[in-house]
Amino acid sequence: HTQAKHVARHGRRWMVLALWTPLAIGLYCLGVWIML
């Protein structure tokens, strides 16, 4: 969120978040699956 606020301008911030947030959540889910 912090990087998207500094890098993207105007309405593009949500586009940056929409691209990278699923990757972070996917890696989290993968980590939980591997740990269990």
PDB file of all heavy atoms in Angstrom:
ATOM      1  N   HIS A   1       0.828  -1.206   0.000  1.00  0.00           N
ATOM      2  CA  HIS A   1       0.000   0.000   0.000  1.00  0.00           C
ATOM      3  C   HIS A   1       0.863   1.256   0.000  1.00  0.00           C
ATOM      4  O   HIS A   1       0.591   2.211  -0.734  1.00  0.00           O
ATOM      5  CB  HIS A   1      -0.928  -0.013   1.219  1.00  0.00           C
ATOM      6  CG  HIS A   1      -1.932   1.076   1.194  1.00  0.00           C
ATOM      7  ND1 HIS A   1      -1.705   2.295   1.763  1.00  0.00           N
ATOM      8  CD2 HIS A   1      -3.168   1.137   0.641  1.00  0.00           C
ATOM      9  CE1 HIS A   1      -2.757   3.063   1.579  1.00  0.00           C
ATOM     10  NE2 HIS A   1      -3.665   2.381   0.906  1.00  0.00           N
ATOM     11  N   THR A   2       1.916   1.251   0.797  1.00  0.00           N
ATOM     12  CA  THR A   2       2.814   2.404   0.863  1.00  0.00           C
ATOM     13  C   THR A   2       3.523   2.626  -0.466  1.00  0.00           C
ATOM     14  O   THR A   2       3.598   3.753  -0.969  1.00  0.00           O
ATOM     15  CB  THR A   2       3.860   2.208   1.984  1.00  0.00           C
ATOM     16  OG1 THR A   2       3.163   1.987   3.208  1.00  0.00           O
ATOM     17  CG2 THR A   2       4.760   3.409   2.112  1.00  0.00           C
ATOM     18  N   GLN A   3       4.035   1.563  -1.061  1.00  0.00           N
ATOM     19  CA  GLN A   3       4.729   1.695  -2.339  1.00  0.00           C
ATOM     20  C   GLN A   3       3.774   2.106  -3.455  1.00  0.00           C
ATOM     21  O   GLN A   3       4.131   2.900  -4.317  1.00  0.00           O
ATOM     22  CB  GLN A   3       5.431   0.383  -2.707  1.00  0.00           C
ATOM     23  CG  GLN A   3       6.623   0.075  -1.846  1.00  0.00           C
ATOM     24  CD  GLN A   3       7.695   1.138  -1.958  1.00  0.00           C
ATOM     25  OE1 GLN A   3       8.014   1.602  -3.040  1.00  0.00           O
ATOM     26  NE2 GLN A   3       8.260   1.522  -0.825  1.00  0.00           N
ATOM     27  N   ALA A   4       2.570   1.566  -3.446  1.00  0.00           N
ATOM     28  CA  ALA A   4       1.599   1.935  -4.471  1.00  0.00           C
ATOM     29  C   ALA A   4       1.217   3.406  -4.349  1.00  0.00           C
ATOM     30  O   ALA A   4       0.988   4.079  -5.356  1.00  0.00           O
ATOM     31  CB  ALA A   4       0.362   1.056  -4.361  1.00  0.00           C
ATOM     32  N   LYS A   5       1.170   3.906  -3.117  1.00  0.00           N
ATOM     33  CA  LYS A   5       0.830   5.316  -2.904  1.00  0.00           C
ATOM     34  C   LYS A   5       1.923   6.220  -3.458  1.00  0.00           C
ATOM     35  O   LYS A   5       1.638   7.275  -4.023  1.00  0.00           O
ATOM     36  CB  LYS A   5       0.630   5.555  -1.414  1.00  0.00           C
ATOM     37  CG  LYS A   5       0.117   6.929  -1.083  1.00  0.00           C
ATOM     38  CD  LYS A   5      -0.324   7.077   0.371  1.00  0.00           C
ATOM     39  CE  LYS A   5       0.630   6.440   1.339  1.00  0.00           C
ATOM     40  NZ  LYS A   5       0.267   6.702   2.741  1.00  0.00           N
ATOM     41  N   HIS A   6       3.194   5.806  -3.336  1.00  0.00           N
ATOM     42  CA  HIS A   6       4.297   6.639  -3.795  1.00  0.00           C
ATOM     43  C   HIS A   6       4.566   6.483  -5.288  1.00  0.00           C
ATOM     44  O   HIS A   6       4.981   7.438  -5.929  1.00  0.00           O
ATOM     45  CB  HIS A   6       5.574   6.298  -3.018  1.00  0.00           C
ATOM     46  CG  HIS A   6       5.523   6.713  -1.591  1.00  0.00           C
ATOM     47  ND1 HIS A   6       5.398   8.019  -1.197  1.00  0.00           N
ATOM     48  CD2 HIS A   6       5.548   5.995  -0.446  1.00  0.00           C
ATOM     49  CE1 HIS A   6       5.374   8.099   0.119  1.00  0.00           C
ATOM     50  NE2 HIS A   6       5.460   6.869   0.601  1.00  0.00           N
ATOM     51  N   VAL A   7       4.350   5.313  -5.828  1.00  0.00           N
ATOM     52  CA  VAL A   7       4.722   5.040  -7.208  1.00  0.00           C
ATOM     53  C   VAL A   7       3.618   5.434  -8.184  1.00  0.00           C
ATOM     54  O   VAL A   7       3.857   6.108  -9.170  1.00  0.00           O
ATOM     55  CB  VAL A   7       5.078   3.544  -7.395  1.00  0.00           C
ATOM     56  CG1 VAL A   7       5.275   3.215  -8.845  1.00  0.00           C
ATOM     57  CG2 VAL A   7       6.320   3.203  -6.591  1.00  0.00           C
ATOM     58  N   ALA A   8       2.432   4.977  -7.926  1.00  0.00           N
ATOM     59  CA  ALA A   8       1.340   5.184  -8.877  1.00  0.00           C
ATOM     60  C   ALA A   8       0.688   6.551  -8.666  1.00  0.00           C
ATOM     61  O   ALA A   8       0.640   7.073  -7.562  1.00  0.00           O
ATOM     62  CB  ALA A   8       0.318   4.078  -8.727  1.00  0.00           C
ATOM     63  N   ARG A   9       0.178   7.093  -9.759  1.00  0.00           N
ATOM     64  CA  ARG A   9      -0.469   8.400  -9.694  1.00  0.00           C
ATOM     65  C   ARG A   9      -1.970   8.247  -9.884  1.00  0.00           C
ATOM     66  O   ARG A   9      -2.427   7.443 -10.665  1.00  0.00           O
ATOM     67  CB  ARG A   9       0.085   9.306 -10.780  1.00  0.00           C
ATOM     68  CG  ARG A   9       1.531   9.620 -10.577  1.00  0.00           C
ATOM     69  CD  ARG A   9       2.018  10.569 -11.634  1.00  0.00           C
ATOM     70  NE  ARG A   9       3.454  10.746 -11.471  1.00  0.00           N
ATOM     71  CZ  ARG A   9       4.309  10.759 -12.458  1.00  0.00           C
ATOM     72  NH1 ARG A   9       3.907  10.606 -13.691  1.00  0.00           N
ATOM     73  NH2 ARG A   9       5.578  10.924 -12.225  1.00  0.00           N
ATOM     74  N   HIS A  10      -2.703   9.056  -9.178  1.00  0.00           N
ATOM     75  CA  HIS A  10      -4.154   9.167  -9.282  1.00  0.00           C
ATOM     76  C   HIS A  10      -4.840   7.814  -9.125  1.00  0.00           C
ATOM     77  O   HIS A  10      -4.685   7.174  -8.111  1.00  0.00           O
ATOM     78  CB  HIS A  10      -4.539   9.852 -10.590  1.00  0.00           C
ATOM     79  CG  HIS A  10      -3.852  11.167 -10.771  1.00  0.00           C
ATOM     80  ND1 HIS A  10      -4.067  12.248  -9.945  1.00  0.00           N
ATOM     81  CD2 HIS A  10      -2.910  11.567 -11.663  1.00  0.00           C
ATOM     82  CE1 HIS A  10      -3.311  13.256 -10.329  1.00  0.00           C
ATOM     83  NE2 HIS A  10      -2.593  12.874 -11.368  1.00  0.00           N
ATOM     84  N   GLY A  11      -5.594   7.359 -10.105  1.00  0.00           N
ATOM     85  CA  GLY A  11      -6.378   6.135  -9.972  1.00  0.00           C
ATOM     86  C   GLY A  11      -5.592   4.865 -10.226  1.00  0.00           C
ATOM     87  O   GLY A  11      -6.113   3.766 -10.086  1.00  0.00           O
ATOM     88  N   ARG A  12      -4.339   4.985 -10.614  1.00  0.00           N
ATOM     89  CA  ARG A  12      -3.548   3.799 -10.935  1.00  0.00           C
ATOM     90  C   ARG A  12      -3.051   3.073  -9.691  1.00  0.00           C
ATOM     91  O   ARG A  12      -2.549   1.966  -9.786  1.00  0.00           O
ATOM     92  CB  ARG A  12      -2.369   4.184 -11.819  1.00  0.00           C
ATOM     93  CG  ARG A  12      -2.828   4.695 -13.170  1.00  0.00           C
ATOM     94  CD  ARG A  12      -1.668   4.876 -14.055  1.00  0.00           C
ATOM     95  NE  ARG A  12      -0.940   3.625 -14.138  1.00  0.00           N
ATOM     96  CZ  ARG A  12      -0.396   3.165 -15.232  1.00  0.00           C
ATOM     97  NH1 ARG A  12      -0.500   3.851 -16.335  1.00  0.00           N
ATOM     98  NH2 ARG A  12       0.273   2.043 -15.229  1.00  0.00           N
ATOM     99  N   ARG A  13      -3.181   3.702  -8.538  1.00  0.00           N
ATOM    100  CA  ARG A  13      -2.726   3.063  -7.299  1.00  0.00           C
ATOM    101  C   ARG A  13      -3.473   1.761  -7.071  1.00  0.00           C
ATOM    102  O   ARG A  13      -2.887   0.753  -6.686  1.00  0.00           O
ATOM    103  CB  ARG A  13      -2.927   3.992  -6.115  1.00  0.00           C
ATOM    104  CG  ARG A  13      -2.602   3.323  -4.800  1.00  0.00           C
ATOM    105  CD  ARG A  13      -2.583   4.258  -3.666  1.00  0.00           C
ATOM    106  NE  ARG A  13      -3.901   4.829  -3.435  1.00  0.00           N
ATOM    107  CZ  ARG A  13      -4.222   5.483  -2.343  1.00  0.00           C
ATOM    108  NH1 ARG A  13      -3.332   5.677  -1.407  1.00  0.00           N
ATOM    109  NH2 ARG A  13      -5.429   5.974  -2.176  1.00  0.00           N
ATOM    110  N   TRP A  14      -4.767   1.744  -7.318  1.00  0.00           N
ATOM    111  CA  TRP A  14      -5.561   0.544  -7.099  1.00  0.00           C
ATOM    112  C   TRP A  14      -5.221  -0.532  -8.122  1.00  0.00           C
ATOM    113  O   TRP A  14      -5.339  -1.717  -7.838  1.00  0.00           O
ATOM    114  CB  TRP A  14      -7.047   0.884  -7.119  1.00  0.00           C
ATOM    115  CG  TRP A  14      -7.350   1.863  -6.030  1.00  0.00           C
ATOM    116  CD1 TRP A  14      -7.699   3.173  -6.172  1.00  0.00           C
ATOM    117  CD2 TRP A  14      -7.261   1.626  -4.627  1.00  0.00           C
ATOM    118  NE1 TRP A  14      -7.836   3.767  -4.947  1.00  0.00           N
ATOM    119  CE2 TRP A  14      -7.577   2.827  -3.969  1.00  0.00           C
ATOM    120  CE3 TRP A  14      -6.933   0.515  -3.856  1.00  0.00           C
ATOM    121  CZ2 TRP A  14      -7.590   2.958  -2.591  1.00  0.00           C
ATOM    122  CZ3 TRP A  14      -6.954   0.640  -2.477  1.00  0.00           C
ATOM    123  CH2 TRP A  14      -7.274   1.851  -1.858  1.00  0.00           C
ATOM    124  N   MET A  15      -4.761  -0.120  -9.311  1.00  0.00           N
ATOM    125  CA  MET A  15      -4.341  -1.100 -10.308  1.00  0.00           C
ATOM    126  C   MET A  15      -3.065  -1.812  -9.844  1.00  0.00           C
ATOM    127  O   MET A  15      -2.932  -3.031  -9.980  1.00  0.00           O
ATOM    128  CB  MET A  15      -4.097  -0.428 -11.659  1.00  0.00           C
ATOM    129  CG  MET A  15      -3.823  -1.398 -12.787  1.00  0.00           C
ATOM    130  SD  MET A  15      -3.521  -0.586 -14.351  1.00  0.00           S
ATOM    131  CE  MET A  15      -5.058   0.269 -14.591  1.00  0.00           C
ATOM    132  N   VAL A  16      -2.156  -1.045  -9.267  1.00  0.00           N
ATOM    133  CA  VAL A  16      -0.924  -1.646  -8.737  1.00  0.00           C
ATOM    134  C   VAL A  16      -1.258  -2.598  -7.599  1.00  0.00           C
ATOM    135  O   VAL A  16      -0.733  -3.718  -7.528  1.00  0.00           O
ATOM    136  CB  VAL A  16       0.054  -0.542  -8.274  1.00  0.00           C
ATOM    137  CG1 VAL A  16       1.230  -1.131  -7.528  1.00  0.00           C
ATOM    138  CG2 VAL A  16       0.531   0.272  -9.461  1.00  0.00           C
ATOM    139  N   LEU A  17      -2.144  -2.169  -6.710  1.00  0.00           N
ATOM    140  CA  LEU A  17      -2.544  -3.035  -5.598  1.00  0.00           C
ATOM    141  C   LEU A  17      -3.255  -4.287  -6.097  1.00  0.00           C
ATOM    142  O   LEU A  17      -3.071  -5.369  -5.548  1.00  0.00           O
ATOM    143  CB  LEU A  17      -3.435  -2.276  -4.627  1.00  0.00           C
ATOM    144  CG  LEU A  17      -2.737  -1.263  -3.733  1.00  0.00           C
ATOM    145  CD1 LEU A  17      -3.762  -0.490  -2.922  1.00  0.00           C
ATOM    146  CD2 LEU A  17      -1.742  -1.940  -2.828  1.00  0.00           C
ATOM    147  N   ALA A  18      -4.070  -4.149  -7.134  1.00  0.00           N
ATOM    148  CA  ALA A  18      -4.802  -5.302  -7.675  1.00  0.00           C
ATOM    149  C   ALA A  18      -3.853  -6.314  -8.310  1.00  0.00           C
ATOM    150  O   ALA A  18      -4.169  -7.503  -8.380  1.00  0.00           O
ATOM    151  CB  ALA A  18      -5.834  -4.832  -8.693  1.00  0.00           C
ATOM    152  N   LEU A  19      -2.693  -5.869  -8.762  1.00  0.00           N
ATOM    153  CA  LEU A  19      -1.723  -6.793  -9.362  1.00  0.00           C
ATOM    154  C   LEU A  19      -0.898  -7.532  -8.308  1.00  0.00           C
ATOM    155  O   LEU A  19      -0.634  -8.720  -8.452  1.00  0.00           O
ATOM    156  CB  LEU A  19      -0.785  -6.035 -10.303  1.00  0.00           C
ATOM    157  CG  LEU A  19      -1.411  -5.527 -11.595  1.00  0.00           C
ATOM    158  CD1 LEU A  19      -0.422  -4.647 -12.337  1.00  0.00           C
ATOM    159  CD2 LEU A  19      -1.845  -6.689 -12.456  1.00  0.00           C
ATOM    160  N   TRP A  20      -0.477  -6.835  -7.250  1.00  0.00           N
ATOM    161  CA  TRP A  20       0.460  -7.424  -6.299  1.00  0.00           C
ATOM    162  C   TRP A  20      -0.191  -8.049  -5.066  1.00  0.00           C
ATOM    163  O   TRP A  20       0.384  -8.950  -4.461  1.00  0.00           O
ATOM    164  CB  TRP A  20       1.484  -6.386  -5.855  1.00  0.00           C
ATOM    165  CG  TRP A  20       2.433  -6.065  -6.941  1.00  0.00           C
ATOM    166  CD1 TRP A  20       2.408  -4.971  -7.751  1.00  0.00           C
ATOM    167  CD2 TRP A  20       3.527  -6.861  -7.383  1.00  0.00           C
ATOM    168  NE1 TRP A  20       3.428  -5.036  -8.662  1.00  0.00           N
ATOM    169  CE2 TRP A  20       4.142  -6.188  -8.458  1.00  0.00           C
ATOM    170  CE3 TRP A  20       4.060  -8.076  -6.979  1.00  0.00           C
ATOM    171  CZ2 TRP A  20       5.247  -6.685  -9.119  1.00  0.00           C
ATOM    172  CZ3 TRP A  20       5.169  -8.574  -7.640  1.00  0.00           C
ATOM    173  CH2 TRP A  20       5.740  -7.886  -8.699  1.00  0.00           C
ATOM    174  N   THR A  21      -1.359  -7.588  -4.692  1.00  0.00           N
ATOM    175  CA  THR A  21      -2.029  -8.131  -3.511  1.00  0.00           C
ATOM    176  C   THR A  21      -2.373  -9.611  -3.662  1.00  0.00           C
ATOM    177  O   THR A  21      -2.127 -10.390  -2.735  1.00  0.00           O
ATOM    178  CB  THR A  21      -3.275  -7.305  -3.165  1.00  0.00           C
ATOM    179  OG1 THR A  21      -2.867  -5.960  -2.920  1.00  0.00           O
ATOM    180  CG2 THR A  21      -3.977  -7.854  -1.941  1.00  0.00           C
ATOM    181  N   PRO A  22      -2.907 -10.069  -4.807  1.00  0.00           N
ATOM    182  CA  PRO A  22      -3.168 -11.509  -4.934  1.00  0.00           C
ATOM    183  C   PRO A  22      -1.896 -12.357  -4.831  1.00  0.00           C
ATOM    184  O   PRO A  22      -1.942 -13.475  -4.308  1.00  0.00           O
ATOM    185  CB  PRO A  22      -3.799 -11.652  -6.317  1.00  0.00           C
ATOM    186  CG  PRO A  22      -4.362 -10.320  -6.619  1.00  0.00           C
ATOM    187  CD  PRO A  22      -3.453  -9.327  -5.943  1.00  0.00           C
ATOM    188  N   LEU A  23      -0.776 -11.825  -5.285  1.00  0.00           N
ATOM    189  CA  LEU A  23       0.483 -12.569  -5.143  1.00  0.00           C
ATOM    190  C   LEU A  23       0.857 -12.723  -3.674  1.00  0.00           C
ATOM    191  O   LEU A  23       1.235 -13.820  -3.233  1.00  0.00           O
ATOM    192  CB  LEU A  23       1.608 -11.868  -5.902  1.00  0.00           C
ATOM    193  CG  LEU A  23       2.984 -12.516  -5.778  1.00  0.00           C
ATOM    194  CD1 LEU A  23       2.985 -13.886  -6.452  1.00  0.00           C
ATOM    195  CD2 LEU A  23       4.041 -11.623  -6.374  1.00  0.00           C
ATOM    196  N   ALA A  24       0.747 -11.651  -2.899  1.00  0.00           N
ATOM    197  CA  ALA A  24       1.071 -11.727  -1.469  1.00  0.00           C
ATOM    198  C   ALA A  24       0.136 -12.686  -0.747  1.00  0.00           C
ATOM    199  O   ALA A  24       0.577 -13.507   0.070  1.00  0.00           O
ATOM    200  CB  ALA A  24       0.996 -10.330  -0.832  1.00  0.00           C
ATOM    201  N   ILE A  25      -1.143 -12.626  -1.056  1.00  0.00           N
ATOM    202  CA  ILE A  25      -2.111 -13.515  -0.408  1.00  0.00           C
ATOM    203  C   ILE A  25      -1.883 -14.958  -0.855  1.00  0.00           C
ATOM    204  O   ILE A  25      -1.974 -15.891  -0.049  1.00  0.00           O
ATOM    205  CB  ILE A  25      -3.546 -13.045  -0.692  1.00  0.00           C
ATOM    206  CG1 ILE A  25      -3.777 -11.707   0.015  1.00  0.00           C
ATOM    207  CG2 ILE A  25      -4.562 -14.080  -0.245  1.00  0.00           C
ATOM    208  CD1 ILE A  25      -5.081 -11.032  -0.327  1.00  0.00           C
ATOM    209  N   GLY A  26      -1.555 -15.153  -2.125  1.00  0.00           N
ATOM    210  CA  GLY A  26      -1.267 -16.497  -2.621  1.00  0.00           C
ATOM    211  C   GLY A  26      -0.044 -17.103  -1.951  1.00  0.00           C
ATOM    212  O   GLY A  26      -0.036 -18.286  -1.595  1.00  0.00           O
ATOM    213  N   LEU A  27       1.004 -16.305  -1.773  1.00  0.00           N
ATOM    214  CA  LEU A  27       2.199 -16.803  -1.084  1.00  0.00           C
ATOM    215  C   LEU A  27       1.905 -17.112   0.374  1.00  0.00           C
ATOM    216  O   LEU A  27       2.437 -18.075   0.930  1.00  0.00           O
ATOM    217  CB  LEU A  27       3.335 -15.787  -1.203  1.00  0.00           C
ATOM    218  CG  LEU A  27       3.967 -15.680  -2.585  1.00  0.00           C
ATOM    219  CD1 LEU A  27       4.949 -14.515  -2.622  1.00  0.00           C
ATOM    220  CD2 LEU A  27       4.641 -16.973  -2.982  1.00  0.00           C
ATOM    221  N   TYR A  28       1.047 -16.317   0.997  1.00  0.00           N
ATOM    222  CA  TYR A  28       0.637 -16.596   2.373  1.00  0.00           C
ATOM    223  C   TYR A  28      -0.099 -17.939   2.442  1.00  0.00           C
ATOM    224  O   TYR A  28       0.198 -18.770   3.300  1.00  0.00           O
ATOM    225  CB  TYR A  28      -0.259 -15.466   2.884  1.00  0.00           C
ATOM    226  CG  TYR A  28      -0.981 -15.800   4.159  1.00  0.00           C
ATOM    227  CD1 TYR A  28      -0.327 -15.755   5.376  1.00  0.00           C
ATOM    228  CD2 TYR A  28      -2.321 -16.182   4.152  1.00  0.00           C
ATOM    229  CE1 TYR A  28      -0.987 -16.071   6.551  1.00  0.00           C
ATOM    230  CE2 TYR A  28      -2.984 -16.495   5.314  1.00  0.00           C
ATOM    231  CZ  TYR A  28      -2.311 -16.438   6.510  1.00  0.00           C
ATOM    232  OH  TYR A  28      -2.959 -16.761   7.672  1.00  0.00           O
ATOM    233  N   CYS A  29      -1.046 -18.134   1.542  1.00  0.00           N
ATOM    234  CA  CYS A  29      -1.802 -19.400   1.523  1.00  0.00           C
ATOM    235  C   CYS A  29      -0.879 -20.586   1.260  1.00  0.00           C
ATOM    236  O   CYS A  29      -1.033 -21.647   1.879  1.00  0.00           O
ATOM    237  CB  CYS A  29      -2.906 -19.337   0.476  1.00  0.00           C
ATOM    238  SG  CYS A  29      -4.216 -18.180   0.878  1.00  0.00           S
ATOM    239  N   LEU A  30       0.082 -20.423   0.370  1.00  0.00           N
ATOM    240  CA  LEU A  30       1.048 -21.481   0.100  1.00  0.00           C
ATOM    241  C   LEU A  30       1.883 -21.784   1.345  1.00  0.00           C
ATOM    242  O   LEU A  30       2.135 -22.941   1.669  1.00  0.00           O
ATOM    243  CB  LEU A  30       1.947 -21.089  -1.065  1.00  0.00           C
ATOM    244  CG  LEU A  30       2.945 -22.126  -1.534  1.00  0.00           C
ATOM    245  CD1 LEU A  30       2.226 -23.337  -2.114  1.00  0.00           C
ATOM    246  CD2 LEU A  30       3.870 -21.519  -2.571  1.00  0.00           C
ATOM    247  N   GLY A  31       2.288 -20.751   2.064  1.00  0.00           N
ATOM    248  CA  GLY A  31       3.053 -20.946   3.294  1.00  0.00           C
ATOM    249  C   GLY A  31       2.257 -21.682   4.356  1.00  0.00           C
ATOM    250  O   GLY A  31       2.777 -22.570   5.031  1.00  0.00           O
ATOM    251  N   VAL A  32       0.975 -21.334   4.498  1.00  0.00           N
ATOM    252  CA  VAL A  32       0.123 -22.027   5.472  1.00  0.00           C
ATOM    253  C   VAL A  32      -0.051 -23.481   5.065  1.00  0.00           C
ATOM    254  O   VAL A  32       0.039 -24.394   5.898  1.00  0.00           O
ATOM    255  CB  VAL A  32      -1.246 -21.325   5.608  1.00  0.00           C
ATOM    256  CG1 VAL A  32      -2.223 -22.168   6.401  1.00  0.00           C
ATOM    257  CG2 VAL A  32      -1.069 -19.965   6.258  1.00  0.00           C
ATOM    258  N   TRP A  33      -0.277 -23.722   3.774  1.00  0.00           N
ATOM    259  CA  TRP A  33      -0.467 -25.092   3.291  1.00  0.00           C
ATOM    260  C   TRP A  33       0.790 -25.939   3.536  1.00  0.00           C
ATOM    261  O   TRP A  33       0.704 -27.064   4.012  1.00  0.00           O
ATOM    262  CB  TRP A  33      -0.822 -25.079   1.811  1.00  0.00           C
ATOM    263  CG  TRP A  33      -0.989 -26.429   1.223  1.00  0.00           C
ATOM    264  CD1 TRP A  33      -2.016 -27.304   1.433  1.00  0.00           C
ATOM    265  CD2 TRP A  33      -0.074 -27.090   0.339  1.00  0.00           C
ATOM    266  NE1 TRP A  33      -1.801 -28.455   0.722  1.00  0.00           N
ATOM    267  CE2 TRP A  33      -0.616 -28.357   0.035  1.00  0.00           C
ATOM    268  CE3 TRP A  33       1.135 -26.727  -0.236  1.00  0.00           C
ATOM    269  CZ2 TRP A  33       0.013 -29.254  -0.799  1.00  0.00           C
ATOM    270  CZ3 TRP A  33       1.754 -27.618  -1.076  1.00  0.00           C
ATOM    271  CH2 TRP A  33       1.205 -28.860  -1.343  1.00  0.00           C
ATOM    272  N   ILE A  34       1.954 -25.390   3.226  1.00  0.00           N
ATOM    273  CA  ILE A  34       3.204 -26.127   3.433  1.00  0.00           C
ATOM    274  C   ILE A  34       3.429 -26.384   4.917  1.00  0.00           C
ATOM    275  O   ILE A  34       3.829 -27.475   5.323  1.00  0.00           O
ATOM    276  CB  ILE A  34       4.390 -25.354   2.822  1.00  0.00           C
ATOM    277  CG1 ILE A  34       4.310 -25.415   1.300  1.00  0.00           C
ATOM    278  CG2 ILE A  34       5.729 -25.918   3.306  1.00  0.00           C
ATOM    279  CD1 ILE A  34       5.310 -24.548   0.589  1.00  0.00           C
ATOM    280  N   MET A  35       3.138 -25.376   5.758  1.00  0.00           N
ATOM    281  CA  MET A  35       3.372 -25.537   7.186  1.00  0.00           C
ATOM    282  C   MET A  35       2.467 -26.599   7.804  1.00  0.00           C
ATOM    283  O   MET A  35       2.852 -27.279   8.750  1.00  0.00           O
ATOM    284  CB  MET A  35       3.167 -24.212   7.900  1.00  0.00           C
ATOM    285  CG  MET A  35       3.650 -24.232   9.310  1.00  0.00           C
ATOM    286  SD  MET A  35       2.899 -22.972  10.288  1.00  0.00           S
ATOM    287  CE  MET A  35       1.229 -23.540  10.362  1.00  0.00           C
ATOM    288  N   LEU A  36       1.267 -26.760   7.283  1.00  0.00           N
ATOM    289  CA  LEU A  36       0.328 -27.717   7.853  1.00  0.00           C
ATOM    290  C   LEU A  36       0.478 -29.127   7.288  1.00  0.00           C
ATOM    291  O   LEU A  36      -0.275 -30.018   7.672  1.00  0.00           O
ATOM    292  CB  LEU A  36      -1.107 -27.217   7.650  1.00  0.00           C
ATOM    293  CG  LEU A  36      -1.451 -25.945   8.426  1.00  0.00           C
ATOM    294  CD1 LEU A  36      -2.857 -25.495   8.109  1.00  0.00           C
ATOM    295  CD2 LEU A  36      -1.262 -26.136   9.919  1.00  0.00           C
TER     296      LEU A  36
END
